């Protein structure tokens, strides 16, 4: 099943589990939002809207709010010493389509749980360096010694002296 939706002045053909970037839409990451302007619902039988399909909507989960690449607008009027430089970054919302709804139905699926980053093993156990049996300053010392051992100190090289010639004269 697919649908054609309109948001941000553009039209998108979407299906379940599609990830797309649309113009900025209000919503925090993890929230479910609904797009109400559905122009076409397709599948076994196609329903065309006039201009929209009544009772149809598309539910999507907000993944991220972000900003696009910087675009430079540079204006110059030659021979007039007039220059203007402006930068712009368009805001966007990254969404994942969860389901396509018809007949005025409400979203049944909830947002997927977000994977949280795993903390470091020592921090997760709550153990300090003293409880683990190692002393933090002593643990760092061998690394410093290892670096010193890898790079031996070089003695300054003596320059070889050139033999002096005996003044300005003809060579014989």
C-alpha atoms as a PDB file:
ATOM      1  CA  UNK A   1       0.000   0.000   0.000  1.00  0.00           C
ATOM      2  CA  UNK A   2       1.284   3.467  -0.830  1.00  0.00           C
ATOM      3  CA  UNK A   3       0.106   7.043  -0.528  1.00  0.00           C
ATOM      4  CA  UNK A   4       0.968  10.421  -1.993  1.00  0.00           C
ATOM      5  CA  UNK A   5       1.118  13.156   0.634  1.00  0.00           C
ATOM      6  CA  UNK A   6       1.664  16.908   0.441  1.00  0.00           C
ATOM      7  CA  UNK A   7       3.744  18.703   3.065  1.00  0.00           C
ATOM      8  CA  UNK A   8       5.952  21.759   2.911  1.00  0.00           C
ATOM      9  CA  UNK A   9       4.755  22.618  -0.608  1.00  0.00           C
ATOM     10  CA  UNK A  10       6.040  19.312  -2.026  1.00  0.00           C
ATOM     11  CA  UNK A  11       4.512  15.930  -2.756  1.00  0.00           C
ATOM     12  CA  UNK A  12       5.985  12.604  -1.625  1.00  0.00           C
ATOM     13  CA  UNK A  13       5.090   9.027  -2.554  1.00  0.00           C
ATOM     14  CA  UNK A  14       5.403   7.013   0.656  1.00  0.00           C
ATOM     15  CA  UNK A  15       4.925   3.455   1.868  1.00  0.00           C
ATOM     16  CA  UNK A  16       5.234   1.862   5.296  1.00  0.00           C
ATOM     17  CA  UNK A  17       8.762   2.030   6.827  1.00  0.00           C
ATOM     18  CA  UNK A  18       9.971   4.653   4.322  1.00  0.00           C
ATOM     19  CA  UNK A  19      12.445   7.194   5.730  1.00  0.00           C
ATOM     20  CA  UNK A  20      12.254  10.633   4.154  1.00  0.00           C
ATOM     21  CA  UNK A  21      13.394  14.173   4.781  1.00  0.00           C
ATOM     22  CA  UNK A  22      10.612  16.765   4.697  1.00  0.00           C
ATOM     23  CA  UNK A  23      10.487  20.498   5.385  1.00  0.00           C
ATOM     24  CA  UNK A  24      10.527  21.261   9.102  1.00  0.00           C
ATOM     25  CA  UNK A  25       7.515  19.880  10.981  1.00  0.00           C
ATOM     26  CA  UNK A  26       6.913  20.469  14.687  1.00  0.00           C
ATOM     27  CA  UNK A  27       7.660  17.451  16.864  1.00  0.00           C
ATOM     28  CA  UNK A  28      10.410  16.078  19.043  1.00  0.00           C
ATOM     29  CA  UNK A  29      12.377  12.967  18.042  1.00  0.00           C
ATOM     30  CA  UNK A  30      10.401   9.872  18.979  1.00  0.00           C
ATOM     31  CA  UNK A  31       6.956  11.482  18.614  1.00  0.00           C
ATOM     32  CA  UNK A  32       4.298  10.280  16.153  1.00  0.00           C
ATOM     33  CA  UNK A  33       2.949  12.929  13.762  1.00  0.00           C
ATOM     34  CA  UNK A  34       0.168  12.737  11.166  1.00  0.00           C
ATOM     35  CA  UNK A  35       0.092  14.115   7.643  1.00  0.00           C
ATOM     36  CA  UNK A  36      -3.521  14.921   6.799  1.00  0.00           C
ATOM     37  CA  UNK A  37      -3.167  16.025   3.165  1.00  0.00           C
ATOM     38  CA  UNK A  38      -3.290  12.667   1.362  1.00  0.00           C
ATOM     39  CA  UNK A  39      -3.765  13.080  -2.386  1.00  0.00           C
ATOM     40  CA  UNK A  40      -3.785   9.408  -3.455  1.00  0.00           C
ATOM     41  CA  UNK A  41      -4.090   6.094  -1.624  1.00  0.00           C
ATOM     42  CA  UNK A  42      -2.979   3.133  -3.713  1.00  0.00           C
ATOM     43  CA  UNK A  43      -2.695  -0.598  -3.436  1.00  0.00           C
ATOM     44  CA  UNK A  44      -5.223  -3.140  -4.751  1.00  0.00           C
ATOM     45  CA  UNK A  45      -7.667  -0.343  -5.552  1.00  0.00           C
ATOM     46  CA  UNK A  46      -6.531   3.248  -6.093  1.00  0.00           C
ATOM     47  CA  UNK A  47      -8.401   6.130  -4.451  1.00  0.00           C
ATOM     48  CA  UNK A  48      -7.863   9.580  -5.932  1.00  0.00           C
ATOM     49  CA  UNK A  49      -8.658  12.644  -3.890  1.00  0.00           C
ATOM     50  CA  UNK A  50     -10.471  15.722  -5.064  1.00  0.00           C
ATOM     51  CA  UNK A  51      -8.232  17.471  -3.901  1.00  0.00           C
ATOM     52  CA  UNK A  52      -7.571  15.149  -0.910  1.00  0.00           C
ATOM     53  CA  UNK A  53      -8.842  11.729   0.125  1.00  0.00           C
ATOM     54  CA  UNK A  54     -11.458  12.146   2.865  1.00  0.00           C
ATOM     55  CA  UNK A  55     -10.564  10.415   6.145  1.00  0.00           C
ATOM     56  CA  UNK A  56      -7.095   9.357   5.010  1.00  0.00           C
ATOM     57  CA  UNK A  57      -3.863  10.262   6.802  1.00  0.00           C
ATOM     58  CA  UNK A  58      -0.300   9.040   7.098  1.00  0.00           C
ATOM     59  CA  UNK A  59       1.318   8.472  10.498  1.00  0.00           C
ATOM     60  CA  UNK A  60       5.084   8.942  10.824  1.00  0.00           C
ATOM     61  CA  UNK A  61       7.664   8.903  13.591  1.00  0.00           C
ATOM     62  CA  UNK A  62      10.034  11.864  13.925  1.00  0.00           C
ATOM     63  CA  UNK A  63      13.604  10.573  13.835  1.00  0.00           C
ATOM     64  CA  UNK A  64      15.602  13.790  13.810  1.00  0.00           C
ATOM     65  CA  UNK A  65      15.342  17.561  13.485  1.00  0.00           C
ATOM     66  CA  UNK A  66      18.269  18.924  11.491  1.00  0.00           C
ATOM     67  CA  UNK A  67      19.639  21.517   9.130  1.00  0.00           C
ATOM     68  CA  UNK A  68      20.799  21.010   5.567  1.00  0.00           C
ATOM     69  CA  UNK A  69      24.063  22.111   3.981  1.00  0.00           C
ATOM     70  CA  UNK A  70      24.957  25.786   3.804  1.00  0.00           C
ATOM     71  CA  UNK A  71      23.974  27.595   0.636  1.00  0.00           C
ATOM     72  CA  UNK A  72      25.767  30.853  -0.170  1.00  0.00           C
ATOM     73  CA  UNK A  73      23.822  33.688  -1.829  1.00  0.00           C
ATOM     74  CA  UNK A  74      26.362  36.129  -3.254  1.00  0.00           C
ATOM     75  CA  UNK A  75      25.242  39.270  -5.047  1.00  0.00           C
ATOM     76  CA  UNK A  76      27.588  41.629  -6.827  1.00  0.00           C
ATOM     77  CA  UNK A  77      26.911  44.749  -8.840  1.00  0.00           C
ATOM     78  CA  UNK A  78      29.934  45.271 -11.004  1.00  0.00           C
ATOM     79  CA  UNK A  79      31.711  48.615 -11.053  1.00  0.00           C
ATOM     80  CA  UNK A  80      29.569  49.811  -8.141  1.00  0.00           C
ATOM     81  CA  UNK A  81      31.639  48.436  -5.234  1.00  0.00           C
ATOM     82  CA  UNK A  82      28.550  46.607  -3.997  1.00  0.00           C
ATOM     83  CA  UNK A  83      28.756  43.044  -2.695  1.00  0.00           C
ATOM     84  CA  UNK A  84      26.456  41.064  -0.396  1.00  0.00           C
ATOM     85  CA  UNK A  85      27.126  37.567   0.926  1.00  0.00           C
ATOM     86  CA  UNK A  86      24.457  35.625   2.821  1.00  0.00           C
ATOM     87  CA  UNK A  87      24.431  32.032   3.992  1.00  0.00           C
ATOM     88  CA  UNK A  88      21.345  29.886   4.521  1.00  0.00           C
ATOM     89  CA  UNK A  89      20.750  26.416   5.984  1.00  0.00           C
ATOM     90  CA  UNK A  90      17.302  24.944   5.367  1.00  0.00           C
ATOM     91  CA  UNK A  91      15.775  23.160   8.345  1.00  0.00           C
ATOM     92  CA  UNK A  92      14.363  19.674   7.800  1.00  0.00           C
ATOM     93  CA  UNK A  93      12.708  16.840   9.709  1.00  0.00           C
ATOM     94  CA  UNK A  94      13.709  13.223   9.141  1.00  0.00           C
ATOM     95  CA  UNK A  95      10.649  10.964   9.507  1.00  0.00           C
ATOM     96  CA  UNK A  96       9.882   7.246   9.197  1.00  0.00           C
ATOM     97  CA  UNK A  97       6.416   6.388   7.908  1.00  0.00           C
ATOM     98  CA  UNK A  98       4.780   3.961  10.332  1.00  0.00           C
ATOM     99  CA  UNK A  99       1.393   3.369   8.674  1.00  0.00           C
ATOM    100  CA  UNK A 100      -1.104   4.621   6.128  1.00  0.00           C
ATOM    101  CA  UNK A 101      -4.549   5.195   7.641  1.00  0.00           C
ATOM    102  CA  UNK A 102      -7.922   5.341   5.888  1.00  0.00           C
ATOM    103  CA  UNK A 103     -11.518   5.972   6.987  1.00  0.00           C
ATOM    104  CA  UNK A 104     -10.525   8.341   9.796  1.00  0.00           C
ATOM    105  CA  UNK A 105      -8.544   5.724  11.758  1.00  0.00           C
ATOM    106  CA  UNK A 106      -6.056   6.771  14.439  1.00  0.00           C
ATOM    107  CA  UNK A 107      -2.437   5.585  14.597  1.00  0.00           C
ATOM    108  CA  UNK A 108      -2.071   2.222  16.329  1.00  0.00           C
ATOM    109  CA  UNK A 109       1.695   1.884  16.243  1.00  0.00           C
ATOM    110  CA  UNK A 110       3.845   3.740  18.735  1.00  0.00           C
ATOM    111  CA  UNK A 111       7.347   5.064  18.247  1.00  0.00           C
ATOM    112  CA  UNK A 112      10.122   2.508  18.188  1.00  0.00           C
ATOM    113  CA  UNK A 113      12.231   2.458  21.348  1.00  0.00           C
ATOM    114  CA  UNK A 114      15.452   4.362  20.940  1.00  0.00           C
ATOM    115  CA  UNK A 115      18.691   2.476  21.529  1.00  0.00           C
ATOM    116  CA  UNK A 116      20.635   4.140  24.319  1.00  0.00           C
ATOM    117  CA  UNK A 117      24.433   4.177  24.148  1.00  0.00           C
ATOM    118  CA  UNK A 118      26.049   1.679  26.494  1.00  0.00           C
ATOM    119  CA  UNK A 119      28.191   3.246  29.230  1.00  0.00           C
ATOM    120  CA  UNK A 120      31.795   2.183  29.776  1.00  0.00           C
ATOM    121  CA  UNK A 121      32.164  -1.036  31.847  1.00  0.00           C
ATOM    122  CA  UNK A 122      33.850   0.699  34.801  1.00  0.00           C
ATOM    123  CA  UNK A 123      31.273   3.480  34.839  1.00  0.00           C
ATOM    124  CA  UNK A 124      28.391   0.990  34.604  1.00  0.00           C
ATOM    125  CA  UNK A 125      29.575  -0.961  37.643  1.00  0.00           C
ATOM    126  CA  UNK A 126      30.179   2.231  39.592  1.00  0.00           C
ATOM    127  CA  UNK A 127      33.630   1.006  40.598  1.00  0.00           C
ATOM    128  CA  UNK A 128      36.439   3.498  40.959  1.00  0.00           C
ATOM    129  CA  UNK A 129      40.081   2.867  40.143  1.00  0.00           C
ATOM    130  CA  UNK A 130      40.888   2.158  43.811  1.00  0.00           C
ATOM    131  CA  UNK A 131      38.111  -0.454  44.106  1.00  0.00           C
ATOM    132  CA  UNK A 132      39.281  -2.170  40.937  1.00  0.00           C
ATOM    133  CA  UNK A 133      42.742  -2.599  42.477  1.00  0.00           C
ATOM    134  CA  UNK A 134      44.628  -0.275  40.162  1.00  0.00           C
ATOM    135  CA  UNK A 135      45.927   3.159  40.930  1.00  0.00           C
ATOM    136  CA  UNK A 136      45.140   5.608  38.136  1.00  0.00           C
ATOM    137  CA  UNK A 137      48.399   7.649  38.261  1.00  0.00           C
ATOM    138  CA  UNK A 138      50.508   4.481  38.189  1.00  0.00           C
ATOM    139  CA  UNK A 139      48.508   3.131  35.272  1.00  0.00           C
ATOM    140  CA  UNK A 140      49.386   6.186  33.201  1.00  0.00           C
ATOM    141  CA  UNK A 141      53.103   6.127  34.007  1.00  0.00           C
ATOM    142  CA  UNK A 142      54.037   3.074  31.873  1.00  0.00           C
ATOM    143  CA  UNK A 143      52.466   4.680  28.821  1.00  0.00           C
ATOM    144  CA  UNK A 144      54.630   7.770  29.278  1.00  0.00           C
ATOM    145  CA  UNK A 145      57.722   5.627  29.693  1.00  0.00           C
ATOM    146  CA  UNK A 146      56.834   3.615  26.606  1.00  0.00           C
ATOM    147  CA  UNK A 147      56.685   6.774  24.517  1.00  0.00           C
ATOM    148  CA  UNK A 148      60.055   7.897  25.850  1.00  0.00           C
ATOM    149  CA  UNK A 149      61.546   4.487  25.072  1.00  0.00           C
ATOM    150  CA  UNK A 150      60.306   4.576  21.482  1.00  0.00           C
ATOM    151  CA  UNK A 151      61.916   7.918  20.720  1.00  0.00           C
ATOM    152  CA  UNK A 152      65.563   7.933  21.859  1.00  0.00           C
ATOM    153  CA  UNK A 153      67.121  11.345  22.331  1.00  0.00           C
ATOM    154  CA  UNK A 154      69.354  12.302  19.426  1.00  0.00           C
ATOM    155  CA  UNK A 155      72.700  13.926  20.110  1.00  0.00           C
ATOM    156  CA  UNK A 156      73.266  17.074  18.086  1.00  0.00           C
ATOM    157  CA  UNK A 157      75.327  16.196  15.019  1.00  0.00           C
ATOM    158  CA  UNK A 158      78.636  17.995  14.626  1.00  0.00           C
ATOM    159  CA  UNK A 159      79.238  19.717  11.353  1.00  0.00           C
ATOM    160  CA  UNK A 160      82.254  18.546   9.409  1.00  0.00           C
ATOM    161  CA  UNK A 161      84.824  21.280   8.941  1.00  0.00           C
ATOM    162  CA  UNK A 162      85.947  22.077   5.441  1.00  0.00           C
ATOM    163  CA  UNK A 163      89.637  22.541   4.884  1.00  0.00           C
ATOM    164  CA  UNK A 164      90.487  26.171   4.364  1.00  0.00           C
ATOM    165  CA  UNK A 165      92.142  27.157   1.162  1.00  0.00           C
ATOM    166  CA  UNK A 166      95.054  29.501   1.350  1.00  0.00           C
ATOM    167  CA  UNK A 167      93.521  32.828   0.343  1.00  0.00           C
ATOM    168  CA  UNK A 168      92.763  34.225  -3.072  1.00  0.00           C
ATOM    169  CA  UNK A 169      95.167  32.962  -5.574  1.00  0.00           C
ATOM    170  CA  UNK A 170      95.651  30.826  -8.561  1.00  0.00           C
ATOM    171  CA  UNK A 171      95.451  27.131  -8.128  1.00  0.00           C
ATOM    172  CA  UNK A 172      98.504  25.287  -9.261  1.00  0.00           C
END
